[in-house]
Amino acid sequence: MALKAPAGGRKQLSEEVSDYLRETIMAGELKSGESIRADAIGELLGVSATPVREALHALKVEGFLVLAPRKGFAVAPLTGQDIRDVFCAHALIAGELASRACLSASDEQIAELGALHFELMAAAERGDNEMLEEKNHQFHRQIYVIANSIRLRQTLATFVKYVPRMFYSKIPGWPVTTANDHSAVISAFRAHDAEGAREAMSKHIINSGELLAQYFDEQQSVTSCPI
């Protein structure tokens, strides 16, 4: 499957190149073992050689790419089970943050979460997956900020790199699952049920990981065009 350049055509920083390639790998559009050509990436994204090289080396450190002598960069081995394992760890931390946030959230903060949830549900109902992804991101970020644990949020950032935000709308069942799971989370917050919030958030992350793992494994059987 040929890759598509992101809309807008603007110049990318190395971090943005990393984000795009990371999410493309997680979405299964770049397969395990597939060669990565720096010049093709630069042409695709309208980026000079330096930020591309920086992005490739950063992804190698993160484990998304491998570098073979005389062969260059390639996508590191990754399976659906690997994704499930990552989301299992992600769920533990996200659940803890949700529990802490539920205990400390003010009525105003819970009302703000409720408003985000309402906008998320409205986006899901009208099939606006781009807006759904944005409200999903804001909903999670708000909860993690309320939890007030910088260290846990920093740890969580490691796992969030495996969340292909740009491509979630392509995953069958994700919009409905997200809307339903968030309903359980916000219900727990409104009831000031910290353990309920932990359970609902953990379940939500596990459900999302399972959908992504299934989609990823299916995409691995689809022929793609190397870049």
N, C-alpha and C. Protein backbone atom coordinates (compact mmCIF):
# COMPACT_ATOMS: atom_id res chain seq x y z
N MET A 1 0.84 -1.18 0.00
CA MET A 1 0.00 0.00 0.00
C MET A 1 0.88 1.24 0.00
N ALA A 2 0.72 2.12 -0.97
CA ALA A 2 1.53 3.32 -1.04
C ALA A 2 1.14 4.29 0.07
N LEU A 3 2.14 4.98 0.62
CA LEU A 3 1.87 5.97 1.65
C LEU A 3 1.37 7.25 1.03
N LYS A 4 0.61 8.00 1.78
CA LYS A 4 0.08 9.28 1.32
C LYS A 4 0.67 10.38 2.19
N ALA A 5 1.06 11.47 1.56
CA ALA A 5 1.60 12.60 2.30
C ALA A 5 0.50 13.26 3.09
N PRO A 6 0.82 13.80 4.28
CA PRO A 6 -0.18 14.48 5.08
C PRO A 6 -0.67 15.73 4.39
N ALA A 7 -1.91 16.12 4.67
CA ALA A 7 -2.50 17.28 4.04
C ALA A 7 -1.75 18.54 4.45
N GLY A 8 -1.75 19.52 3.55
CA GLY A 8 -1.16 20.80 3.88
C GLY A 8 0.15 21.06 3.18
N GLY A 9 0.99 20.03 3.01
CA GLY A 9 2.23 20.16 2.28
C GLY A 9 3.28 21.03 2.95
N ARG A 10 3.13 21.37 4.21
CA ARG A 10 4.08 22.25 4.87
C ARG A 10 5.30 21.46 5.30
N LYS A 11 6.40 22.18 5.54
CA LYS A 11 7.65 21.55 5.96
C LYS A 11 7.49 20.92 7.33
N GLN A 12 8.09 19.77 7.51
CA GLN A 12 7.99 19.03 8.76
C GLN A 12 9.28 19.13 9.55
N LEU A 13 9.18 19.22 10.87
CA LEU A 13 10.33 19.09 11.74
C LEU A 13 10.62 17.61 11.93
N SER A 14 11.79 17.30 12.47
CA SER A 14 12.15 15.90 12.64
C SER A 14 11.16 15.17 13.54
N GLU A 15 10.65 15.87 14.57
CA GLU A 15 9.66 15.24 15.45
C GLU A 15 8.38 14.90 14.70
N GLU A 16 7.99 15.76 13.78
CA GLU A 16 6.77 15.52 13.03
C GLU A 16 6.95 14.36 12.04
N VAL A 17 8.17 14.28 11.47
CA VAL A 17 8.48 13.14 10.60
C VAL A 17 8.43 11.86 11.41
N SER A 18 9.00 11.89 12.61
CA SER A 18 8.98 10.72 13.48
C SER A 18 7.55 10.31 13.80
N ASP A 19 6.73 11.30 14.15
CA ASP A 19 5.34 11.02 14.48
C ASP A 19 4.62 10.36 13.32
N TYR A 20 4.82 10.90 12.14
CA TYR A 20 4.12 10.37 10.96
C TYR A 20 4.56 8.94 10.65
N LEU A 21 5.86 8.68 10.66
CA LEU A 21 6.35 7.33 10.36
C LEU A 21 5.95 6.35 11.46
N ARG A 22 6.02 6.79 12.71
CA ARG A 22 5.63 5.93 13.83
C ARG A 22 4.17 5.51 13.70
N GLU A 23 3.32 6.46 13.42
CA GLU A 23 1.89 6.14 13.31
C GLU A 23 1.61 5.31 12.07
N THR A 24 2.37 5.54 11.00
CA THR A 24 2.19 4.75 9.78
C THR A 24 2.58 3.30 10.02
N ILE A 25 3.64 3.09 10.78
CA ILE A 25 4.05 1.73 11.14
C ILE A 25 2.97 1.06 11.99
N MET A 26 2.47 1.79 13.00
CA MET A 26 1.46 1.23 13.89
C MET A 26 0.15 0.96 13.17
N ALA A 27 -0.12 1.72 12.12
CA ALA A 27 -1.34 1.50 11.35
C ALA A 27 -1.18 0.36 10.35
N GLY A 28 0.01 -0.24 10.29
CA GLY A 28 0.24 -1.38 9.41
C GLY A 28 0.50 -1.01 7.97
N GLU A 29 0.70 0.27 7.68
CA GLU A 29 0.94 0.68 6.30
C GLU A 29 2.41 0.54 5.91
N LEU A 30 3.26 0.41 6.89
CA LEU A 30 4.65 -0.02 6.67
C LEU A 30 4.82 -1.33 7.41
N LYS A 31 5.27 -2.36 6.71
CA LYS A 31 5.30 -3.71 7.27
C LYS A 31 6.63 -4.01 7.95
N SER A 32 6.58 -4.97 8.87
CA SER A 32 7.80 -5.45 9.53
C SER A 32 8.80 -5.92 8.48
N GLY A 33 10.05 -5.46 8.59
CA GLY A 33 11.10 -5.84 7.66
C GLY A 33 11.18 -4.99 6.41
N GLU A 34 10.23 -4.08 6.21
CA GLU A 34 10.20 -3.26 5.01
C GLU A 34 11.28 -2.19 5.06
N SER A 35 11.99 -2.02 3.95
CA SER A 35 13.06 -1.03 3.87
C SER A 35 12.49 0.39 3.89
N ILE A 36 13.23 1.28 4.54
CA ILE A 36 12.85 2.68 4.62
C ILE A 36 13.91 3.52 3.91
N ARG A 37 13.53 4.18 2.83
CA ARG A 37 14.45 5.00 2.06
C ARG A 37 14.32 6.46 2.48
N ALA A 38 15.39 7.01 2.99
CA ALA A 38 15.35 8.38 3.49
C ALA A 38 15.00 9.37 2.40
N ASP A 39 15.52 9.17 1.19
CA ASP A 39 15.23 10.11 0.11
C ASP A 39 13.76 10.09 -0.27
N ALA A 40 13.15 8.90 -0.23
CA ALA A 40 11.73 8.80 -0.56
C ALA A 40 10.87 9.49 0.50
N ILE A 41 11.28 9.36 1.77
CA ILE A 41 10.55 10.02 2.85
C ILE A 41 10.63 11.53 2.69
N GLY A 42 11.83 12.01 2.39
CA GLY A 42 12.01 13.44 2.20
C GLY A 42 11.15 13.98 1.08
N GLU A 43 11.09 13.25 -0.02
CA GLU A 43 10.27 13.67 -1.15
C GLU A 43 8.80 13.62 -0.81
N LEU A 44 8.39 12.57 -0.13
CA LEU A 44 6.98 12.38 0.24
C LEU A 44 6.48 13.50 1.14
N LEU A 45 7.28 13.86 2.13
CA LEU A 45 6.85 14.81 3.14
C LEU A 45 7.35 16.23 2.91
N GLY A 46 8.16 16.42 1.86
CA GLY A 46 8.67 17.74 1.60
C GLY A 46 9.65 18.20 2.64
N VAL A 47 10.55 17.29 3.05
CA VAL A 47 11.49 17.56 4.14
C VAL A 47 12.91 17.38 3.64
N SER A 48 13.83 18.19 4.15
CA SER A 48 15.22 18.05 3.78
C SER A 48 15.84 16.82 4.43
N ALA A 49 17.08 16.50 4.05
CA ALA A 49 17.71 15.27 4.51
C ALA A 49 17.97 15.25 6.01
N THR A 50 18.33 16.38 6.59
CA THR A 50 18.72 16.40 8.01
C THR A 50 17.59 15.97 8.95
N PRO A 51 16.39 16.57 8.87
CA PRO A 51 15.34 16.11 9.78
C PRO A 51 14.91 14.67 9.53
N VAL A 52 15.03 14.20 8.29
CA VAL A 52 14.70 12.80 8.01
C VAL A 52 15.67 11.88 8.71
N ARG A 53 16.96 12.18 8.60
CA ARG A 53 17.97 11.35 9.27
C ARG A 53 17.76 11.36 10.78
N GLU A 54 17.46 12.53 11.34
CA GLU A 54 17.22 12.63 12.77
C GLU A 54 16.02 11.78 13.18
N ALA A 55 14.98 11.82 12.36
CA ALA A 55 13.77 11.04 12.65
C ALA A 55 14.05 9.55 12.61
N LEU A 56 14.80 9.11 11.61
CA LEU A 56 15.09 7.68 11.47
C LEU A 56 15.91 7.17 12.65
N HIS A 57 16.87 7.94 13.08
CA HIS A 57 17.69 7.51 14.22
C HIS A 57 16.88 7.53 15.52
N ALA A 58 15.96 8.48 15.65
CA ALA A 58 15.11 8.53 16.84
C ALA A 58 14.21 7.30 16.89
N LEU A 59 13.66 6.90 15.75
CA LEU A 59 12.79 5.72 15.70
C LEU A 59 13.57 4.44 15.94
N LYS A 60 14.85 4.44 15.57
CA LYS A 60 15.70 3.28 15.87
C LYS A 60 15.88 3.15 17.38
N VAL A 61 16.13 4.26 18.06
CA VAL A 61 16.30 4.24 19.52
C VAL A 61 15.01 3.76 20.19
N GLU A 62 13.86 4.18 19.67
CA GLU A 62 12.57 3.79 20.24
C GLU A 62 12.20 2.35 19.94
N GLY A 63 12.90 1.72 18.98
CA GLY A 63 12.62 0.33 18.65
C GLY A 63 11.66 0.13 17.49
N PHE A 64 11.30 1.21 16.81
CA PHE A 64 10.40 1.08 15.67
C PHE A 64 11.15 0.69 14.39
N LEU A 65 12.44 1.04 14.33
CA LEU A 65 13.27 0.72 13.17
C LEU A 65 14.52 -0.03 13.60
N VAL A 66 15.09 -0.76 12.65
CA VAL A 66 16.40 -1.39 12.86
C VAL A 66 17.32 -0.89 11.75
N LEU A 67 18.62 -0.91 12.02
CA LEU A 67 19.61 -0.47 11.04
C LEU A 67 20.57 -1.61 10.77
N ALA A 68 20.55 -2.12 9.54
CA ALA A 68 21.40 -3.25 9.17
C ALA A 68 22.58 -2.73 8.35
N PRO A 69 23.78 -3.26 8.62
CA PRO A 69 24.96 -2.84 7.85
C PRO A 69 24.76 -3.04 6.35
N ARG A 70 25.07 -2.01 5.57
CA ARG A 70 24.99 -2.02 4.11
C ARG A 70 23.57 -2.17 3.57
N LYS A 71 22.57 -2.18 4.45
CA LYS A 71 21.18 -2.31 4.00
C LYS A 71 20.32 -1.11 4.38
N GLY A 72 20.73 -0.39 5.40
CA GLY A 72 19.98 0.78 5.81
C GLY A 72 18.88 0.46 6.79
N PHE A 73 17.96 1.39 6.94
CA PHE A 73 16.88 1.26 7.91
C PHE A 73 15.75 0.38 7.39
N ALA A 74 15.14 -0.36 8.33
CA ALA A 74 13.98 -1.18 8.01
C ALA A 74 13.05 -1.18 9.21
N VAL A 75 11.79 -1.49 8.97
CA VAL A 75 10.81 -1.55 10.06
C VAL A 75 11.14 -2.73 10.96
N ALA A 76 11.19 -2.49 12.26
CA ALA A 76 11.50 -3.55 13.22
C ALA A 76 10.35 -4.55 13.31
N PRO A 77 10.65 -5.79 13.69
CA PRO A 77 9.58 -6.79 13.84
C PRO A 77 8.54 -6.33 14.85
N LEU A 78 7.29 -6.48 14.51
CA LEU A 78 6.19 -6.08 15.38
C LEU A 78 4.98 -6.95 15.06
N THR A 79 4.29 -7.42 16.09
CA THR A 79 3.11 -8.27 15.90
C THR A 79 1.93 -7.71 16.68
N GLY A 80 0.77 -8.24 16.39
CA GLY A 80 -0.41 -7.86 17.14
C GLY A 80 -0.26 -8.14 18.63
N GLN A 81 0.41 -9.24 18.98
CA GLN A 81 0.61 -9.56 20.39
C GLN A 81 1.53 -8.53 21.07
N ASP A 82 2.52 -8.04 20.33
CA ASP A 82 3.36 -6.98 20.87
C ASP A 82 2.51 -5.76 21.24
N ILE A 83 1.57 -5.43 20.36
CA ILE A 83 0.68 -4.29 20.59
C ILE A 83 -0.19 -4.54 21.82
N ARG A 84 -0.71 -5.75 21.94
CA ARG A 84 -1.52 -6.08 23.13
C ARG A 84 -0.70 -5.91 24.41
N ASP A 85 0.57 -6.34 24.38
CA ASP A 85 1.43 -6.23 25.55
C ASP A 85 1.65 -4.77 25.94
N VAL A 86 1.89 -3.93 24.94
CA VAL A 86 2.10 -2.51 25.20
C VAL A 86 0.85 -1.87 25.79
N PHE A 87 -0.31 -2.21 25.24
CA PHE A 87 -1.55 -1.61 25.73
C PHE A 87 -1.94 -2.16 27.11
N CYS A 88 -1.47 -3.34 27.43
CA CYS A 88 -1.70 -3.88 28.77
C CYS A 88 -0.99 -3.01 29.81
N ALA A 89 0.26 -2.65 29.53
CA ALA A 89 1.00 -1.77 30.42
C ALA A 89 0.40 -0.36 30.42
N HIS A 90 0.01 0.08 29.24
CA HIS A 90 -0.64 1.39 29.10
C HIS A 90 -1.89 1.46 29.97
N ALA A 91 -2.67 0.40 29.97
CA ALA A 91 -3.93 0.36 30.72
C ALA A 91 -3.70 0.50 32.22
N LEU A 92 -2.63 -0.11 32.72
CA LEU A 92 -2.34 -0.03 34.16
C LEU A 92 -2.09 1.41 34.60
N ILE A 93 -1.27 2.12 33.83
CA ILE A 93 -0.95 3.49 34.20
C ILE A 93 -2.14 4.42 33.96
N ALA A 94 -2.82 4.25 32.83
CA ALA A 94 -3.97 5.09 32.54
C ALA A 94 -5.07 4.89 33.59
N GLY A 95 -5.24 3.66 34.04
CA GLY A 95 -6.23 3.38 35.06
C GLY A 95 -5.89 4.05 36.38
N GLU A 96 -4.61 4.02 36.76
CA GLU A 96 -4.17 4.68 37.98
C GLU A 96 -4.39 6.19 37.90
N LEU A 97 -4.06 6.78 36.75
CA LEU A 97 -4.27 8.21 36.58
C LEU A 97 -5.74 8.57 36.64
N ALA A 98 -6.58 7.75 36.05
CA ALA A 98 -8.02 8.01 36.09
C ALA A 98 -8.55 7.93 37.51
N SER A 99 -8.06 6.96 38.29
CA SER A 99 -8.49 6.82 39.68
C SER A 99 -8.10 8.05 40.50
N ARG A 100 -6.86 8.51 40.33
CA ARG A 100 -6.40 9.68 41.06
C ARG A 100 -7.18 10.93 40.64
N ALA A 101 -7.42 11.05 39.34
CA ALA A 101 -8.16 12.21 38.84
C ALA A 101 -9.58 12.23 39.39
N CYS A 102 -10.19 11.06 39.48
CA CYS A 102 -11.56 10.97 39.98
C CYS A 102 -11.64 11.42 41.43
N LEU A 103 -10.62 11.11 42.20
CA LEU A 103 -10.60 11.49 43.61
C LEU A 103 -10.42 12.99 43.81
N SER A 104 -9.67 13.62 42.91
CA SER A 104 -9.32 15.04 43.11
C SER A 104 -10.10 16.01 42.23
N ALA A 105 -10.85 15.49 41.26
CA ALA A 105 -11.53 16.37 40.31
C ALA A 105 -12.61 17.22 40.99
N SER A 106 -12.64 18.50 40.64
CA SER A 106 -13.68 19.39 41.14
C SER A 106 -14.94 19.21 40.31
N ASP A 107 -16.04 19.74 40.80
CA ASP A 107 -17.29 19.67 40.04
C ASP A 107 -17.14 20.37 38.69
N GLU A 108 -16.38 21.46 38.68
CA GLU A 108 -16.16 22.20 37.43
C GLU A 108 -15.37 21.35 36.44
N GLN A 109 -14.34 20.66 36.93
CA GLN A 109 -13.54 19.82 36.04
C GLN A 109 -14.34 18.64 35.51
N ILE A 110 -15.19 18.06 36.35
CA ILE A 110 -16.04 16.96 35.89
C ILE A 110 -17.03 17.47 34.85
N ALA A 111 -17.52 18.69 35.04
CA ALA A 111 -18.43 19.28 34.06
C ALA A 111 -17.72 19.50 32.73
N GLU A 112 -16.45 19.90 32.77
CA GLU A 112 -15.66 20.08 31.55
C GLU A 112 -15.46 18.75 30.83
N LEU A 113 -15.19 17.69 31.62
CA LEU A 113 -15.08 16.36 31.02
C LEU A 113 -16.39 15.94 30.39
N GLY A 114 -17.50 16.26 31.06
CA GLY A 114 -18.81 15.94 30.53
C GLY A 114 -19.07 16.65 29.21
N ALA A 115 -18.62 17.90 29.12
CA ALA A 115 -18.80 18.65 27.88
C ALA A 115 -17.98 18.05 26.74
N LEU A 116 -16.75 17.64 27.05
CA LEU A 116 -15.92 16.98 26.04
C LEU A 116 -16.56 15.68 25.59
N HIS A 117 -17.11 14.95 26.56
CA HIS A 117 -17.76 13.68 26.23
C HIS A 117 -18.98 13.92 25.34
N PHE A 118 -19.74 14.96 25.62
CA PHE A 118 -20.90 15.29 24.79
C PHE A 118 -20.47 15.59 23.36
N GLU A 119 -19.40 16.37 23.20
CA GLU A 119 -18.89 16.70 21.87
C GLU A 119 -18.37 15.45 21.17
N LEU A 120 -17.73 14.56 21.94
CA LEU A 120 -17.24 13.30 21.37
C LEU A 120 -18.39 12.45 20.86
N MET A 121 -19.45 12.33 21.66
CA MET A 121 -20.61 11.54 21.26
C MET A 121 -21.27 12.13 20.02
N ALA A 122 -21.35 13.47 19.98
CA ALA A 122 -21.96 14.12 18.82
C ALA A 122 -21.14 13.85 17.56
N ALA A 123 -19.81 13.89 17.68
CA ALA A 123 -18.93 13.61 16.54
C ALA A 123 -19.10 12.17 16.07
N ALA A 124 -19.23 11.24 17.02
CA ALA A 124 -19.41 9.83 16.67
C ALA A 124 -20.74 9.62 15.93
N GLU A 125 -21.78 10.30 16.40
CA GLU A 125 -23.10 10.12 15.79
C GLU A 125 -23.16 10.65 14.36
N ARG A 126 -22.44 11.72 14.09
CA ARG A 126 -22.47 12.27 12.73
C ARG A 126 -21.34 11.73 11.84
N GLY A 127 -20.55 10.80 12.39
CA GLY A 127 -19.50 10.16 11.61
C GLY A 127 -18.30 11.05 11.35
N ASP A 128 -18.08 12.07 12.20
CA ASP A 128 -16.95 12.97 12.06
C ASP A 128 -15.77 12.39 12.84
N ASN A 129 -15.06 11.46 12.20
CA ASN A 129 -13.99 10.75 12.91
C ASN A 129 -12.80 11.64 13.25
N GLU A 130 -12.55 12.65 12.43
CA GLU A 130 -11.45 13.57 12.72
C GLU A 130 -11.72 14.32 14.02
N MET A 131 -12.95 14.81 14.17
CA MET A 131 -13.31 15.51 15.40
C MET A 131 -13.35 14.53 16.57
N LEU A 132 -13.81 13.32 16.32
CA LEU A 132 -13.85 12.30 17.36
C LEU A 132 -12.45 12.03 17.90
N GLU A 133 -11.48 11.91 17.02
CA GLU A 133 -10.10 11.69 17.44
C GLU A 133 -9.59 12.86 18.28
N GLU A 134 -9.93 14.07 17.87
CA GLU A 134 -9.48 15.26 18.60
C GLU A 134 -10.10 15.31 20.00
N LYS A 135 -11.41 15.05 20.09
CA LYS A 135 -12.07 15.09 21.39
C LYS A 135 -11.62 13.93 22.28
N ASN A 136 -11.31 12.80 21.68
CA ASN A 136 -10.76 11.68 22.44
C ASN A 136 -9.43 12.07 23.07
N HIS A 137 -8.58 12.71 22.28
CA HIS A 137 -7.28 13.15 22.78
C HIS A 137 -7.45 14.15 23.92
N GLN A 138 -8.35 15.11 23.76
CA GLN A 138 -8.57 16.13 24.78
C GLN A 138 -9.14 15.51 26.06
N PHE A 139 -10.04 14.55 25.91
CA PHE A 139 -10.67 13.88 27.05
C PHE A 139 -9.61 13.19 27.91
N HIS A 140 -8.75 12.42 27.26
CA HIS A 140 -7.70 11.70 27.99
C HIS A 140 -6.71 12.68 28.62
N ARG A 141 -6.30 13.68 27.86
CA ARG A 141 -5.33 14.64 28.37
C ARG A 141 -5.87 15.35 29.60
N GLN A 142 -7.13 15.73 29.56
CA GLN A 142 -7.72 16.43 30.70
C GLN A 142 -7.70 15.56 31.95
N ILE A 143 -8.03 14.29 31.82
CA ILE A 143 -8.02 13.38 32.96
C ILE A 143 -6.61 13.23 33.52
N TYR A 144 -5.63 13.06 32.62
CA TYR A 144 -4.26 12.86 33.08
C TYR A 144 -3.69 14.11 33.73
N VAL A 145 -4.09 15.28 33.27
CA VAL A 145 -3.64 16.53 33.90
C VAL A 145 -4.25 16.67 35.29
N ILE A 146 -5.54 16.36 35.42
CA ILE A 146 -6.21 16.44 36.72
C ILE A 146 -5.53 15.52 37.74
N ALA A 147 -5.04 14.37 37.28
CA ALA A 147 -4.39 13.40 38.18
C ALA A 147 -3.15 13.97 38.85
N ASN A 148 -2.51 14.95 38.19
CA ASN A 148 -1.40 15.69 38.80
C ASN A 148 -0.23 14.79 39.19
N SER A 149 0.20 13.96 38.24
CA SER A 149 1.40 13.13 38.47
C SER A 149 2.28 13.24 37.22
N ILE A 150 3.27 14.10 37.31
CA ILE A 150 4.15 14.30 36.16
C ILE A 150 4.88 13.03 35.79
N ARG A 151 5.34 12.28 36.79
CA ARG A 151 6.12 11.07 36.51
C ARG A 151 5.28 10.00 35.80
N LEU A 152 4.05 9.81 36.27
CA LEU A 152 3.20 8.83 35.60
C LEU A 152 2.86 9.27 34.18
N ARG A 153 2.64 10.57 34.00
CA ARG A 153 2.34 11.06 32.65
C ARG A 153 3.55 10.89 31.74
N GLN A 154 4.75 11.10 32.28
CA GLN A 154 5.95 10.90 31.48
C GLN A 154 6.11 9.43 31.08
N THR A 155 5.82 8.55 32.02
CA THR A 155 5.88 7.12 31.72
C THR A 155 4.84 6.74 30.69
N LEU A 156 3.64 7.28 30.84
CA LEU A 156 2.57 6.99 29.90
C LEU A 156 2.93 7.44 28.49
N ALA A 157 3.69 8.52 28.37
CA ALA A 157 4.07 9.04 27.06
C ALA A 157 4.84 8.00 26.24
N THR A 158 5.55 7.10 26.92
CA THR A 158 6.27 6.03 26.23
C THR A 158 5.30 5.12 25.49
N PHE A 159 4.17 4.81 26.13
CA PHE A 159 3.20 3.90 25.54
C PHE A 159 2.32 4.61 24.51
N VAL A 160 2.08 5.90 24.72
CA VAL A 160 1.23 6.65 23.81
C VAL A 160 1.85 6.71 22.41
N LYS A 161 3.15 6.53 22.31
CA LYS A 161 3.80 6.51 21.01
C LYS A 161 3.28 5.37 20.14
N TYR A 162 2.70 4.36 20.77
CA TYR A 162 2.14 3.24 20.03
C TYR A 162 0.68 3.46 19.65
N VAL A 163 0.15 4.63 19.94
CA VAL A 163 -1.25 4.93 19.63
C VAL A 163 -1.30 5.72 18.33
N PRO A 164 -1.77 5.13 17.24
CA PRO A 164 -1.77 5.81 15.94
C PRO A 164 -2.94 6.77 15.79
N ARG A 165 -2.85 7.91 16.45
CA ARG A 165 -3.98 8.84 16.48
C ARG A 165 -4.47 9.22 15.08
N MET A 166 -3.56 9.43 14.14
CA MET A 166 -3.93 9.86 12.79
C MET A 166 -4.75 8.80 12.05
N PHE A 167 -4.60 7.54 12.45
CA PHE A 167 -5.18 6.45 11.67
C PHE A 167 -6.30 5.70 12.41
N TYR A 168 -6.63 6.13 13.61
CA TYR A 168 -7.63 5.40 14.39
C TYR A 168 -8.96 5.27 13.66
N SER A 169 -9.33 6.29 12.89
CA SER A 169 -10.63 6.26 12.23
C SER A 169 -10.72 5.14 11.19
N LYS A 170 -9.56 4.61 10.77
CA LYS A 170 -9.56 3.51 9.82
C LYS A 170 -9.85 2.16 10.47
N ILE A 171 -9.74 2.10 11.79
CA ILE A 171 -9.88 0.84 12.49
C ILE A 171 -11.35 0.52 12.72
N PRO A 172 -11.83 -0.59 12.15
CA PRO A 172 -13.24 -0.94 12.30
C PRO A 172 -13.65 -1.06 13.78
N GLY A 173 -14.74 -0.41 14.14
CA GLY A 173 -15.26 -0.51 15.49
C GLY A 173 -14.71 0.50 16.47
N TRP A 174 -13.64 1.24 16.09
CA TRP A 174 -13.05 2.15 17.05
C TRP A 174 -13.98 3.30 17.45
N PRO A 175 -14.66 3.98 16.52
CA PRO A 175 -15.52 5.09 16.93
C PRO A 175 -16.60 4.67 17.94
N VAL A 176 -17.27 3.55 17.68
CA VAL A 176 -18.34 3.10 18.58
C VAL A 176 -17.77 2.68 19.93
N THR A 177 -16.66 1.93 19.89
CA THR A 177 -16.03 1.48 21.13
C THR A 177 -15.58 2.66 21.98
N THR A 178 -14.99 3.66 21.36
CA THR A 178 -14.52 4.83 22.09
C THR A 178 -15.68 5.57 22.76
N ALA A 179 -16.74 5.79 22.01
CA ALA A 179 -17.90 6.50 22.57
C ALA A 179 -18.49 5.73 23.76
N ASN A 180 -18.64 4.42 23.61
CA ASN A 180 -19.22 3.61 24.68
C ASN A 180 -18.30 3.56 25.91
N ASP A 181 -17.01 3.38 25.68
CA ASP A 181 -16.07 3.28 26.79
C ASP A 181 -15.97 4.60 27.56
N HIS A 182 -15.98 5.70 26.84
CA HIS A 182 -15.91 6.99 27.51
C HIS A 182 -17.15 7.26 28.35
N SER A 183 -18.27 6.72 27.93
CA SER A 183 -19.50 6.88 28.72
C SER A 183 -19.32 6.26 30.10
N ALA A 184 -18.67 5.10 30.15
CA ALA A 184 -18.43 4.43 31.43
C ALA A 184 -17.46 5.23 32.30
N VAL A 185 -16.45 5.84 31.66
CA VAL A 185 -15.47 6.63 32.41
C VAL A 185 -16.13 7.85 33.02
N ILE A 186 -16.90 8.59 32.22
CA ILE A 186 -17.51 9.81 32.73
C ILE A 186 -18.57 9.49 33.78
N SER A 187 -19.24 8.37 33.66
CA SER A 187 -20.21 7.97 34.68
C SER A 187 -19.53 7.75 36.02
N ALA A 188 -18.36 7.13 36.00
CA ALA A 188 -17.61 6.91 37.24
C ALA A 188 -17.17 8.22 37.86
N PHE A 189 -16.74 9.16 37.04
CA PHE A 189 -16.33 10.46 37.56
C PHE A 189 -17.50 11.19 38.21
N ARG A 190 -18.66 11.14 37.57
CA ARG A 190 -19.82 11.82 38.12
C ARG A 190 -20.27 11.19 39.44
N ALA A 191 -20.00 9.90 39.62
CA ALA A 191 -20.34 9.22 40.87
C ALA A 191 -19.21 9.28 41.88
N HIS A 192 -18.09 9.95 41.52
CA HIS A 192 -16.90 10.02 42.38
C HIS A 192 -16.44 8.62 42.79
N ASP A 193 -16.51 7.70 41.83
CA ASP A 193 -16.15 6.29 42.03
C ASP A 193 -14.75 6.07 41.46
N ALA A 194 -13.74 6.21 42.30
CA ALA A 194 -12.36 6.12 41.83
C ALA A 194 -12.02 4.74 41.26
N GLU A 195 -12.46 3.69 41.94
CA GLU A 195 -12.17 2.35 41.44
C GLU A 195 -12.94 2.07 40.15
N GLY A 196 -14.14 2.62 40.07
CA GLY A 196 -14.91 2.48 38.84
C GLY A 196 -14.23 3.19 37.68
N ALA A 197 -13.63 4.36 37.96
CA ALA A 197 -12.91 5.10 36.94
C ALA A 197 -11.67 4.33 36.49
N ARG A 198 -10.97 3.72 37.46
CA ARG A 198 -9.80 2.91 37.13
C ARG A 198 -10.19 1.75 36.20
N GLU A 199 -11.25 1.05 36.58
CA GLU A 199 -11.68 -0.11 35.81
C GLU A 199 -12.15 0.30 34.41
N ALA A 200 -12.92 1.38 34.34
CA ALA A 200 -13.46 1.82 33.04
C ALA A 200 -12.35 2.28 32.11
N MET A 201 -11.38 3.04 32.65
CA MET A 201 -10.28 3.51 31.81
C MET A 201 -9.40 2.36 31.36
N SER A 202 -9.09 1.45 32.27
CA SER A 202 -8.26 0.30 31.91
C SER A 202 -8.92 -0.53 30.83
N LYS A 203 -10.21 -0.77 30.98
CA LYS A 203 -10.96 -1.54 29.99
C LYS A 203 -10.96 -0.84 28.65
N HIS A 204 -11.11 0.48 28.67
CA HIS A 204 -11.10 1.27 27.44
C HIS A 204 -9.79 1.11 26.70
N ILE A 205 -8.66 1.22 27.41
CA ILE A 205 -7.35 1.09 26.78
C ILE A 205 -7.15 -0.31 26.23
N ILE A 206 -7.54 -1.32 26.98
CA ILE A 206 -7.41 -2.71 26.51
C ILE A 206 -8.26 -2.92 25.26
N ASN A 207 -9.48 -2.40 25.26
CA ASN A 207 -10.35 -2.54 24.09
C ASN A 207 -9.73 -1.88 22.86
N SER A 208 -9.18 -0.69 23.05
CA SER A 208 -8.55 0.01 21.94
C SER A 208 -7.35 -0.76 21.42
N GLY A 209 -6.55 -1.31 22.34
CA GLY A 209 -5.39 -2.09 21.94
C GLY A 209 -5.76 -3.34 21.17
N GLU A 210 -6.84 -3.98 21.57
CA GLU A 210 -7.29 -5.19 20.87
C GLU A 210 -7.74 -4.86 19.45
N LEU A 211 -8.48 -3.76 19.30
CA LEU A 211 -8.91 -3.35 17.96
C LEU A 211 -7.70 -3.04 17.08
N LEU A 212 -6.72 -2.32 17.66
CA LEU A 212 -5.53 -1.99 16.89
C LEU A 212 -4.73 -3.24 16.54
N ALA A 213 -4.59 -4.18 17.48
CA ALA A 213 -3.83 -5.41 17.23
C ALA A 213 -4.46 -6.22 16.11
N GLN A 214 -5.78 -6.35 16.13
CA GLN A 214 -6.47 -7.09 15.07
C GLN A 214 -6.28 -6.41 13.73
N TYR A 215 -6.42 -5.09 13.72
CA TYR A 215 -6.25 -4.34 12.47
C TYR A 215 -4.83 -4.46 11.96
N PHE A 216 -3.86 -4.37 12.88
CA PHE A 216 -2.45 -4.45 12.50
C PHE A 216 -2.13 -5.79 11.85
N ASP A 217 -2.59 -6.87 12.47
CA ASP A 217 -2.33 -8.20 11.92
C ASP A 217 -2.96 -8.37 10.54
N GLU A 218 -4.15 -7.81 10.36
CA GLU A 218 -4.81 -7.89 9.05
C GLU A 218 -4.01 -7.11 8.00
N GLN A 219 -3.49 -5.96 8.39
CA GLN A 219 -2.74 -5.13 7.44
C GLN A 219 -1.43 -5.75 7.04
N GLN A 220 -0.87 -6.61 7.89
CA GLN A 220 0.41 -7.24 7.57
C GLN A 220 0.31 -8.17 6.36
N SER A 221 -0.89 -8.61 6.04
CA SER A 221 -1.07 -9.52 4.90
C SER A 221 -1.33 -8.75 3.60
N VAL A 222 -1.42 -7.41 3.71
CA VAL A 222 -1.69 -6.58 2.54
C VAL A 222 -0.36 -6.11 1.95
N THR A 223 -0.20 -6.26 0.65
CA THR A 223 1.04 -5.84 -0.01
C THR A 223 1.17 -4.33 0.02
N SER A 224 2.35 -3.85 0.34
CA SER A 224 2.59 -2.42 0.37
C SER A 224 3.78 -2.04 -0.52
N CYS A 225 3.92 -0.75 -0.73
CA CYS A 225 5.04 -0.25 -1.54
C CYS A 225 6.08 0.36 -0.61
N PRO A 226 7.32 -0.14 -0.64
CA PRO A 226 8.35 0.39 0.26
C PRO A 226 8.68 1.84 -0.05
N ILE A 227 9.15 2.55 0.96
CA ILE A 227 9.60 3.91 0.75
C ILE A 227 11.05 4.05 1.21
